[in-house]
Protein backbone atom coordinates (compact mmCIF):
# COMPACT_ATOMS: atom_id res chain seq x y z
CA MET A 1 7.96 31.91 92.34
CA ASP A 2 10.21 29.14 93.91
CA ALA A 3 11.95 26.49 92.17
CA ALA A 4 11.66 22.79 92.43
CA ARG A 5 14.26 19.95 91.55
CA LEU A 6 13.79 18.42 88.06
CA ARG A 7 14.68 14.78 88.83
CA ARG A 8 13.28 12.23 86.30
CA ASP A 9 15.61 11.30 83.66
CA ALA A 10 12.64 11.23 81.17
CA ASP A 11 11.77 14.89 81.98
CA ILE A 12 15.40 16.13 81.86
CA ALA A 13 15.78 14.38 78.39
CA ALA A 14 12.43 15.89 77.00
CA VAL A 15 13.90 19.22 78.04
CA TRP A 16 17.34 18.57 76.48
CA SER A 17 15.74 17.52 73.26
CA ASP A 18 12.73 19.93 73.02
CA GLY A 19 13.85 22.84 74.87
CA MET A 20 14.90 26.27 73.77
CA LYS A 21 18.68 26.83 74.06
CA ILE A 22 20.34 29.79 75.73
CA GLN A 23 24.09 29.92 75.59
CA HIS A 24 26.53 31.61 77.89
CA SER A 25 30.33 31.30 78.52
CA MET A 26 29.29 29.93 82.27
CA PHE A 27 26.77 27.68 81.34
CA ALA A 28 24.33 26.16 78.81
CA LEU A 29 20.67 26.44 79.29
CA ARG A 30 17.67 24.68 77.94
CA GLY A 31 14.13 25.46 79.01
CA ARG A 32 10.78 24.15 78.08
CA PRO A 33 7.04 25.02 79.44
CA ASN A 34 5.76 22.20 81.60
CA GLY A 35 2.09 23.70 82.26
CA LEU A 36 2.64 23.11 86.00
CA GLY A 37 3.02 26.50 87.11
CA VAL A 38 6.25 25.79 89.10
CA ILE A 39 9.73 26.25 87.60
CA ARG A 40 11.83 22.92 88.10
CA VAL A 41 15.55 23.04 87.77
CA ALA A 42 18.16 20.26 87.07
CA VAL A 43 21.98 21.20 87.17
CA ALA A 44 24.58 19.23 85.72
CA ALA A 45 28.54 19.68 85.76
CA PRO A 46 30.36 17.41 83.34
CA ARG A 47 33.77 15.90 84.51
CA SER A 48 35.65 18.34 82.24
CA LEU A 49 35.26 20.70 85.04
CA GLY A 50 37.54 18.75 87.36
CA ARG A 51 37.18 16.75 90.42
CA ALA A 52 34.11 16.14 92.58
CA VAL A 53 34.61 19.09 94.62
CA ALA A 54 35.03 21.46 91.71
CA ARG A 55 31.85 20.02 90.22
CA ASN A 56 29.90 20.24 93.37
CA ARG A 57 30.89 23.61 93.98
CA SER A 58 30.05 24.56 90.59
CA ARG A 59 26.56 22.98 90.92
CA ARG A 60 25.92 24.79 94.19
CA ARG A 61 26.75 28.18 92.69
CA LEU A 62 24.56 27.76 89.64
CA ARG A 63 21.68 26.33 91.67
CA GLU A 64 21.70 29.22 94.15
CA ALA A 65 22.15 31.94 91.31
CA PHE A 66 19.24 30.62 89.50
CA ARG A 67 17.28 30.33 92.74
CA GLY A 68 17.79 34.05 93.30
CA ALA A 69 16.95 34.82 89.66
CA ILE A 70 13.58 32.90 89.68
CA ARG A 71 12.63 34.40 92.81
CA ASP A 72 12.80 37.84 91.14
CA LEU A 73 10.84 36.68 88.05
CA ALA A 74 7.27 37.85 87.88
CA ARG A 75 4.60 35.09 88.24
CA GLY A 76 4.27 33.25 85.06
CA PRO A 77 3.82 29.74 83.41
CA GLY A 78 5.85 27.03 84.92
CA CYS A 79 8.86 25.68 82.82
CA ASP A 80 11.47 23.01 83.12
CA LEU A 81 15.24 24.09 83.05
CA VAL A 82 18.38 22.15 82.53
CA ILE A 83 21.63 23.96 83.18
CA VAL A 84 24.97 22.55 82.39
CA ALA A 85 27.89 23.99 83.92
CA ARG A 86 31.09 25.12 81.77
CA PRO A 87 34.61 25.57 82.79
CA GLN A 88 34.55 29.30 83.32
CA ILE A 89 32.04 29.15 86.18
CA ALA A 90 34.86 28.01 88.35
CA SER A 91 36.77 31.29 88.34
CA ALA A 92 33.69 33.82 87.96
CA ALA A 93 32.62 35.76 90.72
CA PHE A 94 29.15 35.06 92.19
CA GLY A 95 27.82 38.45 91.27
CA ASP A 96 28.59 37.75 87.52
CA ILE A 97 27.07 34.34 87.68
CA ARG A 98 23.75 35.84 89.24
CA GLU A 99 23.71 38.80 86.60
CA ALA A 100 24.25 35.91 83.72
CA ALA A 101 21.40 33.76 85.35
CA SER A 102 19.00 36.67 85.53
CA GLY A 103 19.76 37.61 81.95
CA ALA A 104 19.45 34.07 80.72
CA LEU A 105 15.93 33.78 82.41
CA ALA A 106 14.61 37.16 80.84
CA ALA A 107 15.66 35.90 77.50
CA LEU A 108 13.96 32.53 77.79
CA SER A 109 10.85 33.85 79.25
CA ARG A 110 10.77 36.39 76.26
CA ARG A 111 11.16 33.47 73.92
CA VAL A 112 8.57 31.40 75.65
CA SER A 113 6.03 34.12 75.61
CA ALA A 114 6.77 34.96 71.92
CA THR A 115 5.73 31.35 70.93
């Protein structure tokens, strides 16, 4: 399953207000089923992470880690994800980020399937 970009402000706001929360030291994740059969992802990095270079690097690392984790998921219902980077992402090893992304997506899929 591939991931698409979640771009519309209304869609992002809906996920942020109604989505299920997964907290991690490197990111905050909110997810909500979308009924489209595709996973759409929005990644944000607040200014508290530093200057533009640091924020962009954090976004790229998160996007790539979640892209790999989504590819490893079994085919299932689509959902919208909003991921917000936290300061620990800057010093984390990429392998740790991928592992955290996989764990967060697995936890989210368990919670979605339970409802």
